[in-house]
């Protein structure tokens, strides 16, 4: 097909210049605001399109934080803020658990011992009853390593406390397949008890 007007459209149609008002500068703040708003909306749509599950997890975490804040507001007649010097940590600033960090590090370094030591005794017993122990877990990690599957990126979404004293931590792992076959995302919701041991992996 020739590179003619059919490919690029016809020639431009020129119009007479429009006279601008002398107070046109008053519209600059509004035009700037709408331009920023359009870019924010476009960025949000792109994020939802490329990372729908990760975006959903972030929205769920924000909803959980808002719900806990609303409950706190209803019980005390006003919103109670936990500042940096208070003993209790707010859900939005809850630091990662060492057990959760060991679990994720074991995934990234193919180290089953790190993952296994992060589990509580009850969880270890449940896994053993289903045929999973530290040795079988290491074999799975070794097979993944030999296949060239690796964790390319780790995102800590956040953590929230629960009513029974345990804590929930959310991670998103970007997994890269060998030979540029693509990437995938693994999402983990880790429940950690008061002794800093993982009691549930979802």
N, C-alpha and C. Protein backbone atom coordinates (compact mmCIF):
# COMPACT_ATOMS: atom_id res chain seq x y z
N UNK A 1 0.85 -1.20 0.00
CA UNK A 1 0.00 0.00 0.00
C UNK A 1 0.89 1.24 0.00
N UNK A 2 0.63 2.13 -0.92
CA UNK A 2 1.45 3.34 -1.03
C UNK A 2 1.20 4.25 0.16
N UNK A 3 2.24 5.01 0.50
CA UNK A 3 2.10 5.96 1.60
C UNK A 3 1.46 7.23 1.06
N UNK A 4 0.18 7.18 0.85
CA UNK A 4 -0.54 8.31 0.26
C UNK A 4 -1.48 8.90 1.29
N UNK A 5 -2.39 9.72 0.86
CA UNK A 5 -3.34 10.37 1.77
C UNK A 5 -4.30 9.39 2.39
N UNK A 6 -4.47 8.18 1.75
CA UNK A 6 -5.36 7.18 2.34
C UNK A 6 -4.81 6.67 3.65
N UNK A 7 -3.49 6.66 3.77
CA UNK A 7 -2.88 6.14 5.00
C UNK A 7 -2.82 7.18 6.09
N UNK A 8 -2.56 8.39 5.77
CA UNK A 8 -2.36 9.43 6.76
C UNK A 8 -3.49 10.45 6.80
N UNK A 9 -4.49 10.30 5.96
CA UNK A 9 -5.58 11.27 5.93
C UNK A 9 -5.26 12.40 4.97
N UNK A 10 -6.25 13.22 4.69
CA UNK A 10 -6.09 14.32 3.77
C UNK A 10 -5.27 15.44 4.35
N UNK A 11 -5.06 16.45 3.55
CA UNK A 11 -4.28 17.59 4.00
C UNK A 11 -4.99 18.35 5.09
N UNK A 12 -4.27 19.10 5.91
CA UNK A 12 -4.89 19.85 7.01
C UNK A 12 -5.75 20.99 6.49
N UNK A 13 -6.83 21.24 7.19
CA UNK A 13 -7.72 22.34 6.88
C UNK A 13 -7.44 23.48 7.84
N UNK A 14 -6.97 24.56 7.32
CA UNK A 14 -6.60 25.70 8.14
C UNK A 14 -7.83 26.53 8.47
N UNK A 15 -7.88 27.06 9.64
CA UNK A 15 -8.97 27.91 10.08
C UNK A 15 -8.41 29.25 10.48
N UNK A 16 -9.31 30.22 10.45
CA UNK A 16 -8.93 31.55 10.87
C UNK A 16 -8.64 31.56 12.37
N UNK A 17 -7.58 32.25 12.79
CA UNK A 17 -7.27 32.29 14.23
C UNK A 17 -8.38 32.95 15.02
N UNK A 18 -8.67 32.37 16.19
CA UNK A 18 -9.73 32.88 17.07
C UNK A 18 -9.12 33.90 18.02
N UNK A 19 -9.78 35.02 18.15
CA UNK A 19 -9.28 36.06 19.04
C UNK A 19 -9.52 35.66 20.49
N UNK A 20 -8.49 35.78 21.30
CA UNK A 20 -8.57 35.41 22.71
C UNK A 20 -8.96 36.62 23.55
N UNK A 21 -9.72 36.35 24.58
CA UNK A 21 -10.11 37.43 25.47
C UNK A 21 -8.94 37.90 26.32
N UNK A 22 -9.02 39.10 26.79
CA UNK A 22 -7.91 39.63 27.58
C UNK A 22 -7.83 39.01 28.96
N UNK A 23 -8.93 38.37 29.42
CA UNK A 23 -8.93 37.72 30.75
C UNK A 23 -8.80 36.20 30.64
N UNK A 24 -8.21 35.75 29.54
CA UNK A 24 -8.06 34.30 29.35
C UNK A 24 -7.18 33.67 30.42
N UNK A 25 -6.25 34.45 31.01
CA UNK A 25 -5.34 33.88 32.01
C UNK A 25 -6.07 33.41 33.25
N UNK A 26 -7.32 33.90 33.46
CA UNK A 26 -8.08 33.47 34.63
C UNK A 26 -8.50 32.01 34.53
N UNK A 27 -8.50 31.47 33.33
CA UNK A 27 -8.91 30.06 33.16
C UNK A 27 -7.77 29.09 33.35
N UNK A 28 -6.53 29.61 33.48
CA UNK A 28 -5.38 28.71 33.60
C UNK A 28 -5.46 27.75 34.79
N UNK A 29 -5.84 28.20 36.00
CA UNK A 29 -5.91 27.25 37.12
C UNK A 29 -6.90 26.13 36.88
N UNK A 30 -8.06 26.45 36.25
CA UNK A 30 -9.06 25.41 36.01
C UNK A 30 -8.57 24.42 34.96
N UNK A 31 -7.92 24.93 33.92
CA UNK A 31 -7.40 24.04 32.89
C UNK A 31 -6.31 23.14 33.46
N UNK A 32 -5.46 23.66 34.32
CA UNK A 32 -4.41 22.86 34.94
C UNK A 32 -5.01 21.78 35.83
N UNK A 33 -6.04 22.13 36.58
CA UNK A 33 -6.69 21.17 37.48
C UNK A 33 -7.29 20.01 36.69
N UNK A 34 -8.01 20.32 35.60
CA UNK A 34 -8.64 19.25 34.81
C UNK A 34 -7.59 18.41 34.09
N UNK A 35 -6.46 19.01 33.70
CA UNK A 35 -5.40 18.25 33.05
C UNK A 35 -4.79 17.24 34.03
N UNK A 36 -4.54 17.68 35.28
CA UNK A 36 -4.00 16.78 36.30
C UNK A 36 -5.00 15.68 36.63
N UNK A 37 -6.29 16.05 36.70
CA UNK A 37 -7.33 15.07 37.01
C UNK A 37 -7.40 14.00 35.93
N UNK A 38 -7.30 14.39 34.65
CA UNK A 38 -7.34 13.42 33.57
C UNK A 38 -6.15 12.48 33.63
N UNK A 39 -4.97 13.01 33.97
CA UNK A 39 -3.79 12.15 34.05
C UNK A 39 -3.89 11.17 35.21
N UNK A 40 -4.45 11.63 36.34
CA UNK A 40 -4.63 10.72 37.47
C UNK A 40 -5.60 9.60 37.13
N UNK A 41 -6.70 9.94 36.45
CA UNK A 41 -7.67 8.92 36.06
C UNK A 41 -7.05 7.93 35.07
N UNK A 42 -6.28 8.45 34.11
CA UNK A 42 -5.64 7.56 33.14
C UNK A 42 -4.64 6.63 33.83
N UNK A 43 -3.86 7.18 34.80
CA UNK A 43 -2.92 6.33 35.53
C UNK A 43 -3.62 5.25 36.34
N UNK A 44 -4.74 5.61 36.97
CA UNK A 44 -5.50 4.61 37.74
C UNK A 44 -6.05 3.52 36.86
N UNK A 45 -6.55 3.88 35.67
CA UNK A 45 -7.10 2.87 34.75
C UNK A 45 -6.00 1.95 34.25
N UNK A 46 -4.81 2.52 33.95
CA UNK A 46 -3.70 1.67 33.51
C UNK A 46 -3.26 0.71 34.61
N UNK A 47 -3.22 1.19 35.85
CA UNK A 47 -2.82 0.32 36.96
C UNK A 47 -3.80 -0.83 37.14
N UNK A 48 -5.11 -0.53 37.07
CA UNK A 48 -6.12 -1.58 37.19
C UNK A 48 -6.02 -2.57 36.04
N UNK A 49 -5.67 -2.07 34.85
CA UNK A 49 -5.59 -2.95 33.69
C UNK A 49 -4.41 -3.90 33.74
N UNK A 50 -3.24 -3.42 34.20
CA UNK A 50 -2.04 -4.26 34.21
C UNK A 50 -1.91 -5.08 35.49
N UNK A 51 -2.43 -4.58 36.62
CA UNK A 51 -2.31 -5.29 37.90
C UNK A 51 -3.67 -5.33 38.59
N UNK A 52 -4.64 -6.06 38.01
CA UNK A 52 -5.98 -6.05 38.62
C UNK A 52 -6.03 -6.69 40.00
N UNK A 53 -5.31 -7.81 40.19
CA UNK A 53 -5.38 -8.51 41.47
C UNK A 53 -4.65 -7.71 42.54
N UNK A 54 -3.47 -7.18 42.19
CA UNK A 54 -2.73 -6.36 43.16
C UNK A 54 -3.51 -5.13 43.57
N UNK A 55 -4.20 -4.50 42.59
CA UNK A 55 -5.01 -3.32 42.90
C UNK A 55 -6.17 -3.70 43.81
N UNK A 56 -6.76 -4.90 43.57
CA UNK A 56 -7.86 -5.35 44.43
C UNK A 56 -7.40 -5.57 45.85
N UNK A 57 -6.18 -6.13 46.03
CA UNK A 57 -5.67 -6.36 47.37
C UNK A 57 -5.44 -5.04 48.10
N UNK A 58 -4.94 -4.04 47.36
CA UNK A 58 -4.73 -2.72 47.97
C UNK A 58 -6.06 -2.12 48.39
N UNK A 59 -7.09 -2.25 47.52
CA UNK A 59 -8.41 -1.70 47.86
C UNK A 59 -9.00 -2.41 49.07
N UNK A 60 -8.79 -3.75 49.15
CA UNK A 60 -9.31 -4.49 50.31
C UNK A 60 -8.62 -4.04 51.59
N UNK A 61 -7.30 -3.81 51.50
CA UNK A 61 -6.57 -3.36 52.69
C UNK A 61 -7.04 -1.98 53.12
N UNK A 62 -7.24 -1.08 52.15
CA UNK A 62 -7.75 0.26 52.48
C UNK A 62 -9.13 0.17 53.09
N UNK A 63 -9.99 -0.73 52.54
CA UNK A 63 -11.32 -0.90 53.10
C UNK A 63 -11.27 -1.42 54.54
N UNK A 64 -10.33 -2.36 54.81
CA UNK A 64 -10.19 -2.89 56.16
C UNK A 64 -9.74 -1.80 57.13
N UNK A 65 -8.79 -0.97 56.70
CA UNK A 65 -8.33 0.13 57.54
C UNK A 65 -9.48 1.09 57.83
N UNK A 66 -10.26 1.41 56.78
CA UNK A 66 -11.38 2.32 56.98
C UNK A 66 -12.43 1.74 57.90
N UNK A 67 -12.69 0.42 57.79
CA UNK A 67 -13.69 -0.22 58.64
C UNK A 67 -13.25 -0.21 60.09
N UNK A 68 -11.96 -0.54 60.34
CA UNK A 68 -11.46 -0.52 61.71
C UNK A 68 -11.49 0.90 62.29
N UNK A 69 -11.18 1.89 61.45
CA UNK A 69 -11.25 3.27 61.92
C UNK A 69 -12.67 3.69 62.25
N UNK A 70 -13.63 3.21 61.43
CA UNK A 70 -15.03 3.54 61.70
C UNK A 70 -15.51 2.90 63.00
N UNK A 71 -15.10 1.63 63.24
CA UNK A 71 -15.46 0.98 64.50
C UNK A 71 -14.88 1.73 65.69
N UNK A 72 -13.62 2.14 65.56
CA UNK A 72 -12.98 2.88 66.63
C UNK A 72 -13.71 4.19 66.89
N UNK A 73 -14.14 4.82 65.83
CA UNK A 73 -14.88 6.08 65.98
C UNK A 73 -16.22 5.86 66.69
N UNK A 74 -16.90 4.76 66.34
CA UNK A 74 -18.20 4.49 66.95
C UNK A 74 -18.11 4.14 68.42
N UNK A 75 -17.02 3.47 68.81
CA UNK A 75 -16.91 3.06 70.22
C UNK A 75 -16.55 4.24 71.12
N UNK A 76 -15.77 5.16 70.62
CA UNK A 76 -15.26 6.22 71.48
C UNK A 76 -15.90 7.58 71.23
N UNK A 77 -16.83 7.64 70.30
CA UNK A 77 -17.47 8.93 70.03
C UNK A 77 -16.57 9.88 69.28
N UNK A 78 -15.44 9.44 68.85
CA UNK A 78 -14.51 10.27 68.09
C UNK A 78 -13.38 9.41 67.59
N UNK A 79 -12.74 9.81 66.53
CA UNK A 79 -11.68 9.02 65.94
C UNK A 79 -10.43 9.11 66.79
N UNK A 80 -9.92 7.96 67.24
CA UNK A 80 -8.71 7.92 68.06
C UNK A 80 -7.51 7.71 67.17
N UNK A 81 -6.56 8.61 67.23
CA UNK A 81 -5.36 8.54 66.42
C UNK A 81 -4.21 8.02 67.27
N UNK A 82 -3.48 7.03 66.72
CA UNK A 82 -2.31 6.50 67.40
C UNK A 82 -1.09 7.20 66.82
N UNK A 83 -0.44 8.02 67.59
CA UNK A 83 0.73 8.74 67.12
C UNK A 83 1.97 7.88 67.27
N UNK A 84 3.10 8.44 66.85
CA UNK A 84 4.33 7.66 66.84
C UNK A 84 4.75 7.18 68.21
N UNK A 85 4.40 7.89 69.29
CA UNK A 85 4.85 7.50 70.61
C UNK A 85 3.90 6.56 71.32
N UNK A 86 2.79 6.17 70.69
CA UNK A 86 1.83 5.29 71.35
C UNK A 86 2.30 3.85 71.26
N UNK A 87 1.75 3.00 72.14
CA UNK A 87 2.16 1.61 72.17
C UNK A 87 1.56 0.81 71.03
N UNK A 88 0.31 1.12 70.65
CA UNK A 88 -0.37 0.36 69.61
C UNK A 88 -0.07 0.97 68.25
N UNK A 89 0.17 0.09 67.27
CA UNK A 89 0.46 0.55 65.92
C UNK A 89 -0.82 0.59 65.11
N UNK A 90 -0.97 1.60 64.29
CA UNK A 90 -2.13 1.70 63.43
C UNK A 90 -1.99 0.71 62.28
N UNK A 91 -3.12 0.24 61.69
CA UNK A 91 -3.03 -0.72 60.59
C UNK A 91 -2.22 -0.20 59.42
N UNK A 92 -2.27 1.10 59.14
CA UNK A 92 -1.59 1.63 57.97
C UNK A 92 -0.07 1.67 58.15
N UNK A 93 0.42 1.58 59.38
CA UNK A 93 1.85 1.66 59.62
C UNK A 93 2.40 0.39 60.29
N UNK A 94 1.65 -0.70 60.26
CA UNK A 94 2.09 -1.93 60.90
C UNK A 94 3.30 -2.48 60.16
N UNK A 95 4.45 -2.62 60.82
CA UNK A 95 5.66 -3.09 60.12
C UNK A 95 5.55 -4.58 59.81
N UNK A 96 6.32 -5.07 58.85
CA UNK A 96 6.27 -6.49 58.51
C UNK A 96 6.73 -7.35 59.69
N UNK A 97 6.16 -8.53 59.78
CA UNK A 97 6.56 -9.48 60.81
C UNK A 97 7.84 -10.19 60.39
N UNK A 98 8.77 -10.43 61.34
CA UNK A 98 9.98 -11.20 60.99
C UNK A 98 9.66 -12.57 60.42
N UNK A 99 8.62 -13.24 60.95
CA UNK A 99 8.25 -14.55 60.41
C UNK A 99 7.77 -14.43 58.97
N UNK A 100 6.97 -13.41 58.69
CA UNK A 100 6.50 -13.20 57.32
C UNK A 100 7.66 -12.87 56.39
N UNK A 101 8.60 -12.08 56.88
CA UNK A 101 9.77 -11.74 56.07
C UNK A 101 10.61 -12.97 55.78
N UNK A 102 10.77 -13.88 56.78
CA UNK A 102 11.52 -15.11 56.55
C UNK A 102 10.83 -15.99 55.51
N UNK A 103 9.51 -16.05 55.57
CA UNK A 103 8.77 -16.85 54.60
C UNK A 103 9.01 -16.34 53.18
N UNK A 104 8.91 -15.01 53.01
CA UNK A 104 9.09 -14.43 51.68
C UNK A 104 10.56 -14.56 51.23
N UNK A 105 11.50 -14.37 52.15
CA UNK A 105 12.91 -14.50 51.80
C UNK A 105 13.23 -15.93 51.39
N UNK A 106 12.61 -16.89 52.07
CA UNK A 106 12.81 -18.28 51.68
C UNK A 106 12.33 -18.55 50.27
N UNK A 107 11.23 -17.89 49.88
CA UNK A 107 10.73 -18.03 48.51
C UNK A 107 11.73 -17.48 47.50
N UNK A 108 12.31 -16.33 47.81
CA UNK A 108 13.19 -15.66 46.84
C UNK A 108 14.57 -16.29 46.76
N UNK A 109 15.01 -16.96 47.85
CA UNK A 109 16.36 -17.54 47.87
C UNK A 109 16.33 -19.07 47.80
N UNK A 110 15.16 -19.65 47.56
CA UNK A 110 15.00 -21.11 47.46
C UNK A 110 15.47 -21.80 48.74
N UNK A 111 15.13 -21.24 49.88
CA UNK A 111 15.59 -21.74 51.18
C UNK A 111 14.38 -22.23 51.97
N UNK A 112 14.17 -23.53 51.97
CA UNK A 112 13.02 -24.10 52.67
C UNK A 112 13.18 -24.01 54.18
N UNK A 113 14.41 -24.00 54.67
CA UNK A 113 14.62 -23.92 56.12
C UNK A 113 14.08 -22.61 56.68
N UNK A 114 14.29 -21.50 55.96
CA UNK A 114 13.74 -20.22 56.40
C UNK A 114 12.22 -20.26 56.44
N UNK A 115 11.63 -20.83 55.41
CA UNK A 115 10.17 -20.90 55.36
C UNK A 115 9.63 -21.79 56.48
N UNK A 116 10.29 -22.94 56.68
CA UNK A 116 9.79 -23.91 57.67
C UNK A 116 9.89 -23.36 59.09
N UNK A 117 10.96 -22.63 59.40
CA UNK A 117 11.11 -22.11 60.76
C UNK A 117 10.15 -20.96 61.04
N UNK A 118 9.56 -20.38 60.00
CA UNK A 118 8.59 -19.31 60.22
C UNK A 118 7.21 -19.84 60.57
N UNK A 119 6.99 -21.15 60.40
CA UNK A 119 5.68 -21.74 60.68
C UNK A 119 5.54 -22.08 62.16
N UNK A 120 4.31 -22.01 62.64
CA UNK A 120 4.02 -22.45 64.00
C UNK A 120 4.03 -23.98 64.06
N UNK A 121 4.09 -24.53 65.25
CA UNK A 121 4.09 -25.99 65.39
C UNK A 121 2.79 -26.60 64.86
N UNK A 122 1.67 -25.93 65.09
CA UNK A 122 0.39 -26.44 64.59
C UNK A 122 0.37 -26.47 63.07
N UNK A 123 0.89 -25.41 62.43
CA UNK A 123 0.91 -25.39 60.97
C UNK A 123 1.85 -26.46 60.42
N UNK A 124 2.98 -26.66 61.08
CA UNK A 124 3.90 -27.72 60.65
C UNK A 124 3.22 -29.08 60.72
N UNK A 125 2.45 -29.29 61.80
CA UNK A 125 1.76 -30.58 61.95
C UNK A 125 0.71 -30.75 60.86
N UNK A 126 -0.02 -29.68 60.55
CA UNK A 126 -1.03 -29.77 59.49
C UNK A 126 -0.38 -30.07 58.14
N UNK A 127 0.73 -29.43 57.86
CA UNK A 127 1.41 -29.67 56.59
C UNK A 127 1.97 -31.09 56.52
N UNK A 128 2.51 -31.58 57.63
CA UNK A 128 3.05 -32.93 57.66
C UNK A 128 1.97 -33.96 57.42
N UNK A 129 0.80 -33.73 57.98
CA UNK A 129 -0.31 -34.66 57.77
C UNK A 129 -0.73 -34.73 56.30
N UNK A 130 -0.47 -33.66 55.56
CA UNK A 130 -0.81 -33.63 54.14
C UNK A 130 0.40 -33.96 53.26
N UNK A 131 1.46 -34.49 53.87
CA UNK A 131 2.60 -34.95 53.09
C UNK A 131 3.64 -33.89 52.76
N UNK A 132 3.60 -32.75 53.43
CA UNK A 132 4.58 -31.69 53.18
C UNK A 132 5.44 -31.50 54.41
N UNK A 133 6.75 -31.57 54.21
CA UNK A 133 7.69 -31.29 55.29
C UNK A 133 8.81 -30.41 54.73
N UNK A 134 9.83 -30.16 55.54
CA UNK A 134 10.89 -29.26 55.09
C UNK A 134 11.64 -29.84 53.89
N UNK A 135 11.83 -31.16 53.87
CA UNK A 135 12.57 -31.77 52.78
C UNK A 135 11.79 -31.70 51.46
N UNK A 136 10.50 -32.01 51.52
CA UNK A 136 9.70 -31.95 50.30
C UNK A 136 9.54 -30.51 49.81
N UNK A 137 9.47 -29.59 50.76
CA UNK A 137 9.40 -28.18 50.38
C UNK A 137 10.68 -27.73 49.69
N UNK A 138 11.83 -28.21 50.17
CA UNK A 138 13.10 -27.87 49.54
C UNK A 138 13.18 -28.45 48.14
N UNK A 139 12.66 -29.67 47.96
CA UNK A 139 12.67 -30.27 46.62
C UNK A 139 11.84 -29.43 45.64
N UNK A 140 10.71 -28.91 46.11
CA UNK A 140 9.90 -28.06 45.24
C UNK A 140 10.65 -26.79 44.85
N UNK A 141 11.34 -26.20 45.82
CA UNK A 141 12.10 -24.98 45.53
C UNK A 141 13.27 -25.28 44.59
N UNK A 142 13.92 -26.44 44.76
CA UNK A 142 15.02 -26.81 43.88
C UNK A 142 14.53 -27.01 42.45
N UNK A 143 13.38 -27.63 42.30
CA UNK A 143 12.82 -27.82 40.96
C UNK A 143 12.49 -26.48 40.31
N UNK A 144 11.97 -25.55 41.10
CA UNK A 144 11.67 -24.23 40.57
C UNK A 144 12.95 -23.52 40.14
N UNK A 145 14.02 -23.66 40.96
CA UNK A 145 15.29 -23.02 40.63
C UNK A 145 15.89 -23.60 39.36
N UNK A 146 15.85 -24.93 39.24
CA UNK A 146 16.39 -25.58 38.04
C UNK A 146 15.61 -25.20 36.79
N UNK A 147 14.33 -24.94 36.95
CA UNK A 147 13.50 -24.56 35.80
C UNK A 147 13.70 -23.10 35.41
N UNK A 148 14.45 -22.34 36.21
CA UNK A 148 14.69 -20.94 35.90
C UNK A 148 13.61 -20.00 36.36
N UNK A 149 12.72 -20.48 37.23
CA UNK A 149 11.65 -19.64 37.75
C UNK A 149 12.18 -18.89 38.97
N UNK A 150 12.05 -17.57 38.96
CA UNK A 150 12.59 -16.79 40.07
C UNK A 150 11.64 -15.65 40.41
N UNK A 151 11.78 -15.16 41.64
CA UNK A 151 10.99 -14.02 42.10
C UNK A 151 11.70 -12.75 41.64
N UNK A 152 11.03 -11.99 40.80
CA UNK A 152 11.65 -10.79 40.25
C UNK A 152 11.40 -9.56 41.12
N UNK A 153 10.27 -9.54 41.84
CA UNK A 153 9.93 -8.36 42.64
C UNK A 153 9.03 -8.77 43.80
N UNK A 154 9.25 -8.15 44.96
CA UNK A 154 8.43 -8.39 46.14
C UNK A 154 7.81 -7.06 46.57
N UNK A 155 6.50 -7.02 46.70
CA UNK A 155 5.79 -5.83 47.15
C UNK A 155 5.06 -6.15 48.46
N UNK A 156 5.40 -5.39 49.50
CA UNK A 156 4.70 -5.53 50.78
C UNK A 156 3.51 -4.58 50.76
N UNK A 157 2.31 -5.13 50.71
CA UNK A 157 1.10 -4.31 50.61
C UNK A 157 0.78 -3.67 51.95
N UNK A 158 0.91 -4.43 53.06
CA UNK A 158 0.64 -3.88 54.37
C UNK A 158 0.16 -4.95 55.33
N UNK A 159 -0.09 -4.52 56.55
CA UNK A 159 -0.53 -5.45 57.58
C UNK A 159 -1.56 -4.81 58.49
N UNK A 160 -2.45 -5.64 59.03
CA UNK A 160 -3.49 -5.16 59.94
C UNK A 160 -3.61 -6.12 61.13
N UNK A 161 -3.89 -5.61 62.31
CA UNK A 161 -4.13 -6.49 63.46
C UNK A 161 -5.57 -7.01 63.43
N UNK A 162 -5.80 -8.12 64.10
CA UNK A 162 -7.13 -8.69 64.19
C UNK A 162 -7.60 -8.65 65.65
N UNK A 163 -8.87 -8.99 65.84
CA UNK A 163 -9.46 -8.89 67.17
C UNK A 163 -8.86 -9.90 68.15
N UNK A 164 -8.38 -11.05 67.64
CA UNK A 164 -7.85 -12.08 68.54
C UNK A 164 -6.36 -11.90 68.85
N UNK A 165 -5.77 -10.81 68.38
CA UNK A 165 -4.38 -10.54 68.68
C UNK A 165 -3.40 -10.95 67.60
N UNK A 166 -3.88 -11.68 66.59
CA UNK A 166 -3.00 -12.05 65.50
C UNK A 166 -2.91 -10.90 64.50
N UNK A 167 -2.09 -11.06 63.47
CA UNK A 167 -1.89 -10.01 62.47
C UNK A 167 -1.92 -10.62 61.07
N UNK A 168 -2.41 -9.84 60.13
CA UNK A 168 -2.47 -10.26 58.73
C UNK A 168 -1.48 -9.42 57.92
N UNK A 169 -0.67 -10.08 57.10
CA UNK A 169 0.29 -9.40 56.25
C UNK A 169 0.08 -9.83 54.81
N UNK A 170 0.06 -8.86 53.90
CA UNK A 170 -0.22 -9.12 52.49
C UNK A 170 1.03 -8.81 51.66
N UNK A 171 1.41 -9.77 50.83
CA UNK A 171 2.55 -9.61 49.93
C UNK A 171 2.12 -9.96 48.50
N UNK A 172 2.75 -9.30 47.54
CA UNK A 172 2.58 -9.61 46.13
C UNK A 172 3.96 -9.91 45.55
N UNK A 173 4.13 -11.12 45.01
CA UNK A 173 5.39 -11.54 44.42
C UNK A 173 5.23 -11.63 42.91
N UNK A 174 6.11 -10.95 42.19
CA UNK A 174 6.13 -11.04 40.74
C UNK A 174 7.09 -12.14 40.33
N UNK A 175 6.57 -13.19 39.69
CA UNK A 175 7.35 -14.36 39.32
C UNK A 175 7.68 -14.28 37.83
N UNK A 176 8.96 -14.42 37.52
CA UNK A 176 9.41 -14.38 36.12
C UNK A 176 9.69 -15.79 35.64
N UNK A 177 9.07 -16.17 34.53
CA UNK A 177 9.27 -17.49 33.94
C UNK A 177 10.55 -17.49 33.10
N UNK A 178 11.13 -18.68 32.89
CA UNK A 178 12.38 -18.74 32.10
C UNK A 178 12.14 -18.45 30.63
N UNK A 179 13.20 -18.06 29.94
CA UNK A 179 13.19 -17.84 28.48
C UNK A 179 12.15 -16.81 28.07
N UNK A 180 11.98 -15.78 28.92
CA UNK A 180 11.06 -14.68 28.61
C UNK A 180 9.65 -15.16 28.27
N UNK A 181 9.19 -16.18 29.01
CA UNK A 181 7.86 -16.70 28.77
C UNK A 181 6.77 -15.86 29.43
N UNK A 182 7.17 -14.84 30.15
CA UNK A 182 6.19 -13.96 30.78
C UNK A 182 6.36 -13.92 32.28
N UNK A 183 5.49 -13.16 32.92
CA UNK A 183 5.52 -13.01 34.38
C UNK A 183 4.14 -13.34 34.93
N UNK A 184 4.13 -13.68 36.22
CA UNK A 184 2.89 -13.95 36.93
C UNK A 184 3.01 -13.35 38.32
N UNK A 185 1.87 -13.23 38.99
CA UNK A 185 1.85 -12.68 40.34
C UNK A 185 1.31 -13.72 41.32
N UNK A 186 2.03 -13.89 42.42
CA UNK A 186 1.57 -14.72 43.53
C UNK A 186 1.21 -13.80 44.69
N UNK A 187 0.04 -14.01 45.28
CA UNK A 187 -0.42 -13.18 46.38
C UNK A 187 -0.50 -14.03 47.64
N UNK A 188 0.08 -13.52 48.70
CA UNK A 188 0.09 -14.23 49.98
C UNK A 188 -0.54 -13.37 51.06
N UNK A 189 -1.46 -13.98 51.80
CA UNK A 189 -2.01 -13.38 53.01
C UNK A 189 -1.55 -14.27 54.16
N UNK A 190 -0.61 -13.77 54.96
CA UNK A 190 0.01 -14.55 56.03
C UNK A 190 -0.58 -14.12 57.38
N UNK A 191 -1.10 -15.08 58.12
CA UNK A 191 -1.62 -14.84 59.46
C UNK A 191 -0.56 -15.21 60.48
N UNK A 192 -0.15 -14.27 61.30
CA UNK A 192 0.92 -14.46 62.28
C UNK A 192 0.35 -14.33 63.68
N UNK A 193 0.69 -15.27 64.56
CA UNK A 193 0.15 -15.23 65.92
C UNK A 193 0.98 -14.31 66.81
N UNK A 194 0.65 -14.29 68.09
CA UNK A 194 1.31 -13.40 69.04
C UNK A 194 2.74 -13.80 69.34
N UNK A 195 3.12 -15.04 69.02
CA UNK A 195 4.51 -15.49 69.21
C UNK A 195 5.34 -15.27 67.95
N UNK A 196 4.78 -14.56 66.98
CA UNK A 196 5.45 -14.26 65.71
C UNK A 196 5.76 -15.54 64.93
N UNK A 197 4.76 -16.39 64.81
CA UNK A 197 4.85 -17.57 63.98
C UNK A 197 3.64 -17.60 63.03
N UNK A 198 3.86 -18.05 61.81
CA UNK A 198 2.78 -18.10 60.82
C UNK A 198 1.86 -19.26 61.14
N UNK A 199 0.59 -18.97 61.27
CA UNK A 199 -0.39 -20.02 61.58
C UNK A 199 -1.29 -20.32 60.38
N UNK A 200 -1.22 -19.48 59.34
CA UNK A 200 -2.06 -19.71 58.17
C UNK A 200 -1.45 -19.00 56.97
N UNK A 201 -1.45 -19.70 55.81
CA UNK A 201 -0.96 -19.13 54.56
C UNK A 201 -2.09 -19.24 53.52
N UNK A 202 -2.45 -18.10 52.94
CA UNK A 202 -3.50 -18.09 51.94
C UNK A 202 -2.96 -17.48 50.65
